[in-house]
Every structure is written in structure tokens, then in C-alpha cells.
C-alpha atoms as a PDB file:
ATOM      1  CA  MET A   1      99.133 101.611  95.940  1.00  0.00           C
ATOM      2  CA  SER A   2      97.102  98.509  95.706  1.00  0.00           C
ATOM      3  CA  ALA A   3      93.758  98.739  93.705  1.00  0.00           C
ATOM      4  CA  PHE A   4      92.307  96.191  96.106  1.00  0.00           C
ATOM      5  CA  ARG A   5      90.640  97.498  99.457  1.00  0.00           C
ATOM      6  CA  ARG A   6      90.063  94.855 102.084  1.00  0.00           C
ATOM      7  CA  ALA A   7      86.857  95.656 104.140  1.00  0.00           C
ATOM      8  CA  ARG A   8      86.152  93.962 107.347  1.00  0.00           C
ATOM      9  CA  ALA A   9      84.516  90.522 106.341  1.00  0.00           C
ATOM     10  CA  LEU A  10      81.851  89.004 108.707  1.00  0.00           C
ATOM     11  CA  PRO A  11      83.857  86.186 110.472  1.00  0.00           C
ATOM     12  CA  ASP A  12      81.554  83.291 108.969  1.00  0.00           C
ATOM     13  CA  ALA A  13      80.884  84.886 105.529  1.00  0.00           C
ATOM     14  CA  ASP A  14      80.342  82.129 102.789  1.00  0.00           C
ATOM     15  CA  HIS A  15      81.973  84.267 100.010  1.00  0.00           C
ATOM     16  CA  VAL A  16      84.215  87.570 100.096  1.00  0.00           C
ATOM     17  CA  ILE A  17      84.728  89.467  96.902  1.00  0.00           C
ATOM     18  CA  GLU A  18      88.144  91.345  96.592  1.00  0.00           C
ATOM     19  CA  THR A  19      88.187  93.803  93.764  1.00  0.00           C
ATOM     20  CA  GLY A  20      89.197  97.086  92.618  1.00  0.00           C
ATOM     21  CA  PRO A  21      88.008  99.295  89.589  1.00  0.00           C
ATOM     22  CA  ALA A  22      87.212  96.105  87.676  1.00  0.00           C
ATOM     23  CA  ILE A  23      83.836  95.642  89.722  1.00  0.00           C
ATOM     24  CA  THR A  24      82.195  98.197  87.503  1.00  0.00           C
ATOM     25  CA  ALA A  25      83.244  96.246  84.342  1.00  0.00           C
ATOM     26  CA  LEU A  26      82.216  93.043  85.959  1.00  0.00           C
ATOM     27  CA  MET A  27      78.843  94.329  86.919  1.00  0.00           C
ATOM     28  CA  ALA A  28      78.239  95.967  83.518  1.00  0.00           C
ATOM     29  CA  ARG A  29      79.125  92.435  81.906  1.00  0.00           C
ATOM     30  CA  GLU A  30      82.290  94.037  80.031  1.00  0.00           C
ATOM     31  CA  ILE A  31      84.197  91.274  81.266  1.00  0.00           C
ATOM     32  CA  SER A  32      82.843  87.760  82.524  1.00  0.00           C
ATOM     33  CA  PRO A  33      83.520  86.455  86.234  1.00  0.00           C
ATOM     34  CA  ALA A  34      85.860  83.860  84.798  1.00  0.00           C
ATOM     35  CA  ASP A  35      88.074  86.393  82.887  1.00  0.00           C
ATOM     36  CA  ALA A  36      88.195  88.691  86.116  1.00  0.00           C
ATOM     37  CA  ILE A  37      89.260  86.071  88.096  1.00  0.00           C
ATOM     38  CA  ALA A  38      91.681  84.669  85.664  1.00  0.00           C
ATOM     39  CA  ASP A  39      93.613  88.111  85.143  1.00  0.00           C
ATOM     40  CA  GLY A  40      93.576  88.861  88.839  1.00  0.00           C
ATOM     41  CA  SER A  41      91.330  91.840  88.774  1.00  0.00           C
ATOM     42  CA  VAL A  42      88.937  90.076  91.338  1.00  0.00           C
ATOM     43  CA  ARG A  43      90.125  87.876  94.194  1.00  0.00           C
ATOM     44  CA  LEU A  44      87.809  85.377  95.788  1.00  0.00           C
ATOM     45  CA  THR A  45      87.249  83.650  99.115  1.00  0.00           C
ATOM     46  CA  GLY A  46      84.399  81.025  98.158  1.00  0.00           C
ATOM     47  CA  GLY A  47      83.402  79.648  94.803  1.00  0.00           C
ATOM     48  CA  PRO A  48      83.237  81.479  91.768  1.00  0.00           C
ATOM     49  CA  LYS A  49      79.606  80.159  90.917  1.00  0.00           C
ATOM     50  CA  LEU A  50      78.715  82.516  93.857  1.00  0.00           C
ATOM     51  CA  LEU A  51      80.496  85.622  91.862  1.00  0.00           C
ATOM     52  CA  THR A  52      78.536  84.744  88.872  1.00  0.00           C
ATOM     53  CA  ARG A  53      75.312  84.707  90.983  1.00  0.00           C
ATOM     54  CA  PHE A  54      76.313  88.192  92.293  1.00  0.00           C
ATOM     55  CA  THR A  55      76.900  89.405  88.783  1.00  0.00           C
ATOM     56  CA  ASP A  56      73.485  88.242  87.750  1.00  0.00           C
ATOM     57  CA  ILE A  57      71.796  90.078  90.632  1.00  0.00           C
ATOM     58  CA  PHE A  58      73.541  93.045  90.804  1.00  0.00           C
ATOM     59  CA  ARG A  59      73.751  94.471  87.013  1.00  0.00           C
ATOM     60  CA  ILE A  60      74.301  98.027  86.072  1.00  0.00           C
END
């Protein structure tokens, strides 16, 4: 079973983040956006700068 769940993205979405349980670590700053992308725990459609912005805004 994959840890990734694909929700329906808007057709013109600038950014889509696909992740599993690692989203908690990412938002808690336990892992960096670059590390999450590098180890495959996050997949992106869009640029990595938007993921960094997302984690700056939505912190836990």
C-alpha cells in the first residue's frame, strides 16, 4: 500500500504536493523541504520554492 494519496487537483493548479506521513515532520521542521524531496517522501508538481513557502506558512 502506498503512503501517497492523490486527491483531485484543480486543473490549473500551480502546485501539487503529494505526501504521506512525512507531511507532519515537514510542517514541524523536523526535515527540510529539500531533504523531503531528495528522499522521496514528498513529490511535487511545481517548483520547490513553493514547498518552502508552504512550510513557512503552515507550521506546527
